[in-house]
Amino acid sequence: MGFISYISLTFIPLLIGFILLYGTYKRVPTYESFVEGGKEGIKIAVSIIPFLVGMLVAISIFRASGALEALMDWLRPLMKSMGVPAEIVPLLIIRPISGTAALGMTSDLIAVYGPDSFIGRLASVLQGSTDTTFYVLTVYFGAVGIRKMGDALKVGLLADVVGIIVSILVVALIFGTT
């Protein structure tokens, strides 16, 4: 077994053991604190269910109405003029909405075009360089009761646009466009 594998297999148990020993040393009731954290986690999980359902319904409506397809059709010529393959456009649109759907699209692109293709590399870098902005705002802000999220939405979408642009530039510079 390699050194890195050994570290990765032992780090988490050692970290948990250290936290428990340190908590005991500081006279913190570690088991009771763990149980209270578990209770709070369950409460939070239950409280975000309505927001998750709302987000899933909104995504389904967006796709079923044809709005997603219309947006893709509108963006394809613009992206193609910038040298971005049309196959990437659906990933660019769905990534801020749903991480799971974007991961599925990335997997499909890699399966079809290969991991060493420009499309496969770009999809992989995009997956790691952008976030699920709408999901985060809907679920997490909704769970803690934040209602005014306009500035967070603007900043999140700006971060996604910057992530997309930098991903395209970096992949093109490092690997070329073919």
Protein backbone atom coordinates (compact mmCIF):
# COMPACT_ATOMS: atom_id res chain seq x y z
CA MET A 1 0.00 0.00 0.00
CA GLY A 2 1.36 3.39 -1.00
CA PHE A 3 2.12 6.19 1.41
CA ILE A 4 -0.73 8.41 0.16
CA SER A 5 -3.22 5.54 0.46
CA TYR A 6 -2.05 4.89 4.01
CA ILE A 7 -2.47 8.54 4.96
CA SER A 8 -5.93 8.76 3.39
CA LEU A 9 -7.11 5.61 5.20
CA THR A 10 -5.80 6.68 8.61
CA PHE A 11 -6.33 10.47 8.64
CA ILE A 12 -10.07 10.61 9.29
CA PRO A 13 -10.10 8.03 12.14
CA LEU A 14 -7.11 9.80 13.71
CA LEU A 15 -8.82 13.18 13.38
CA ILE A 16 -12.02 11.88 14.97
CA GLY A 17 -10.02 10.26 17.77
CA PHE A 18 -8.10 13.48 18.36
CA ILE A 19 -11.31 15.52 18.54
CA LEU A 20 -12.84 13.09 21.03
CA LEU A 21 -9.71 13.02 23.20
CA TYR A 22 -9.34 16.80 23.09
CA GLY A 23 -13.01 17.26 24.00
CA THR A 24 -12.62 14.84 26.90
CA TYR A 25 -9.48 16.68 28.03
CA LYS A 26 -11.42 19.97 27.98
CA ARG A 27 -14.23 18.26 29.94
CA VAL A 28 -16.76 18.62 27.12
CA PRO A 29 -19.48 15.94 27.20
CA THR A 30 -18.49 14.59 23.78
CA TYR A 31 -21.19 11.95 23.40
CA GLU A 32 -23.96 14.31 24.48
CA SER A 33 -22.60 16.99 22.13
CA PHE A 34 -22.60 14.44 19.31
CA VAL A 35 -26.21 13.49 20.02
CA GLU A 36 -27.30 17.15 20.15
CA GLY A 37 -25.54 17.78 16.83
CA GLY A 38 -27.35 14.79 15.34
CA LYS A 39 -30.71 16.11 16.55
CA GLU A 40 -29.99 19.51 15.06
CA GLY A 41 -28.90 17.91 11.78
CA ILE A 42 -32.19 16.00 11.53
CA LYS A 43 -34.18 19.19 12.22
CA ILE A 44 -32.29 21.02 9.49
CA ALA A 45 -32.75 18.12 7.04
CA VAL A 46 -36.51 18.11 7.65
CA SER A 47 -36.72 21.90 7.37
CA ILE A 48 -35.09 21.98 3.91
CA ILE A 49 -37.41 19.36 2.38
CA PRO A 50 -40.01 21.93 1.19
CA PHE A 51 -37.25 24.00 -0.43
CA LEU A 52 -35.81 20.93 -2.15
CA VAL A 53 -39.24 19.93 -3.46
CA GLY A 54 -39.85 23.47 -4.71
CA MET A 55 -36.49 23.53 -6.46
CA LEU A 56 -37.07 20.15 -8.11
CA VAL A 57 -40.52 21.21 -9.30
CA ALA A 58 -39.11 24.47 -10.70
CA ILE A 59 -36.37 22.59 -12.56
CA SER A 60 -38.91 20.14 -13.98
CA ILE A 61 -41.17 22.97 -15.15
CA PHE A 62 -38.19 24.80 -16.66
CA ARG A 63 -37.20 21.72 -18.66
CA ALA A 64 -40.73 20.53 -19.57
CA SER A 65 -41.86 23.96 -20.74
CA GLY A 66 -39.14 24.10 -23.36
CA ALA A 67 -37.52 27.13 -21.74
CA LEU A 68 -34.24 25.25 -21.22
CA GLU A 69 -34.16 24.21 -24.88
CA ALA A 70 -34.97 27.77 -26.02
CA LEU A 71 -32.20 29.18 -23.85
CA MET A 72 -29.75 26.61 -25.24
CA ASP A 73 -30.77 27.47 -28.81
CA TRP A 74 -30.22 31.16 -28.09
CA LEU A 75 -26.79 30.59 -26.50
CA ARG A 76 -25.36 28.05 -28.98
CA PRO A 77 -24.45 30.57 -31.75
CA LEU A 78 -22.95 32.98 -29.23
CA MET A 79 -20.84 30.25 -27.60
CA LYS A 80 -19.81 28.81 -30.98
CA SER A 81 -18.58 32.25 -32.08
CA MET A 82 -16.33 32.26 -29.00
CA GLY A 83 -14.94 28.83 -29.84
CA VAL A 84 -16.93 26.93 -27.21
CA PRO A 85 -18.37 23.65 -28.46
CA ALA A 86 -22.16 23.54 -28.66
CA GLU A 87 -22.13 20.30 -26.65
CA ILE A 88 -21.04 22.25 -23.56
CA VAL A 89 -23.97 24.71 -23.63
CA PRO A 90 -26.45 22.49 -21.74
CA LEU A 91 -23.85 22.01 -18.98
CA LEU A 92 -23.31 25.76 -18.74
CA ILE A 93 -27.03 26.30 -18.26
CA ILE A 94 -27.81 23.45 -15.87
CA ARG A 95 -24.75 23.73 -13.58
CA PRO A 96 -26.04 26.73 -11.56
CA ILE A 97 -29.38 24.95 -11.15
CA SER A 98 -28.59 21.35 -10.30
CA GLY A 99 -25.30 19.73 -9.35
CA THR A 100 -26.63 16.21 -9.89
CA ALA A 101 -27.93 16.98 -13.38
CA ALA A 102 -24.67 18.74 -14.25
CA LEU A 103 -22.64 15.76 -13.01
CA GLY A 104 -24.77 13.48 -15.18
CA MET A 105 -24.19 15.72 -18.20
CA THR A 106 -20.45 15.80 -17.49
CA SER A 107 -20.37 12.01 -17.25
CA ASP A 108 -22.25 11.73 -20.55
CA LEU A 109 -19.90 14.17 -22.28
CA ILE A 110 -16.86 12.26 -21.02
CA ALA A 111 -18.39 8.94 -22.07
CA VAL A 112 -19.17 10.21 -25.58
CA TYR A 113 -16.10 12.37 -26.31
CA GLY A 114 -13.53 10.86 -23.95
CA PRO A 115 -11.78 12.28 -20.90
CA ASP A 116 -8.81 13.54 -22.94
CA SER A 117 -10.90 15.43 -25.50
CA PHE A 118 -11.32 19.19 -25.34
CA ILE A 119 -15.01 18.71 -24.49
CA GLY A 120 -14.25 16.17 -21.76
CA ARG A 121 -11.57 18.34 -20.18
CA LEU A 122 -13.69 21.48 -20.43
CA ALA A 123 -16.70 19.74 -18.89
CA SER A 124 -14.54 18.47 -16.03
CA VAL A 125 -12.99 21.86 -15.33
CA LEU A 126 -16.39 23.56 -15.55
CA GLN A 127 -17.83 21.05 -13.09
CA GLY A 128 -15.15 21.96 -10.57
CA SER A 129 -15.03 25.70 -11.24
CA THR A 130 -18.69 26.64 -10.91
CA ASP A 131 -21.33 26.15 -8.25
CA THR A 132 -25.00 25.29 -7.97
CA THR A 133 -25.97 28.88 -7.22
CA PHE A 134 -29.76 28.55 -7.44
CA TYR A 135 -29.74 25.33 -5.42
CA VAL A 136 -27.59 26.88 -2.67
CA LEU A 137 -29.75 30.00 -2.47
CA THR A 138 -33.02 28.08 -2.50
CA VAL A 139 -32.14 25.33 -0.06
CA TYR A 140 -29.67 26.83 2.37
CA PHE A 141 -30.94 30.39 2.48
CA GLY A 142 -34.49 29.06 2.73
CA ALA A 143 -33.53 26.71 5.57
CA VAL A 144 -32.20 29.54 7.71
CA GLY A 145 -34.99 31.95 6.78
CA ILE A 146 -33.09 34.45 4.64
CA ARG A 147 -35.61 36.08 2.31
CA LYS A 148 -33.60 38.89 0.71
CA MET A 149 -31.07 37.10 -1.46
CA GLY A 150 -30.76 39.44 -4.44
CA ASP A 151 -27.15 40.44 -3.80
CA ALA A 152 -26.14 36.84 -3.08
CA LEU A 153 -27.76 35.77 -6.36
CA LYS A 154 -25.87 38.45 -8.31
CA VAL A 155 -22.55 37.55 -6.73
CA GLY A 156 -23.16 33.81 -7.15
CA LEU A 157 -24.04 34.16 -10.83
CA LEU A 158 -21.09 36.50 -11.39
CA ALA A 159 -18.83 33.88 -9.79
CA ASP A 160 -20.32 31.26 -12.12
CA VAL A 161 -19.72 33.44 -15.20
CA VAL A 162 -16.13 34.09 -14.10
CA GLY A 163 -15.66 30.37 -13.46
CA ILE A 164 -16.99 29.55 -16.93
CA ILE A 165 -14.78 32.11 -18.68
CA VAL A 166 -11.65 31.13 -16.79
CA SER A 167 -12.37 27.43 -17.34
CA ILE A 168 -12.64 27.95 -21.09
CA LEU A 169 -9.47 30.04 -21.20
CA VAL A 170 -7.41 27.69 -19.02
CA VAL A 171 -8.46 24.53 -20.87
CA ALA A 172 -7.84 26.21 -24.24
CA LEU A 173 -4.43 27.51 -23.13
CA ILE A 174 -3.25 24.29 -21.52
CA PHE A 175 -4.73 21.68 -23.83
CA GLY A 176 -5.56 23.58 -27.01
CA THR A 177 -8.98 23.68 -28.64
CA THR A 178 -8.89 20.38 -30.51
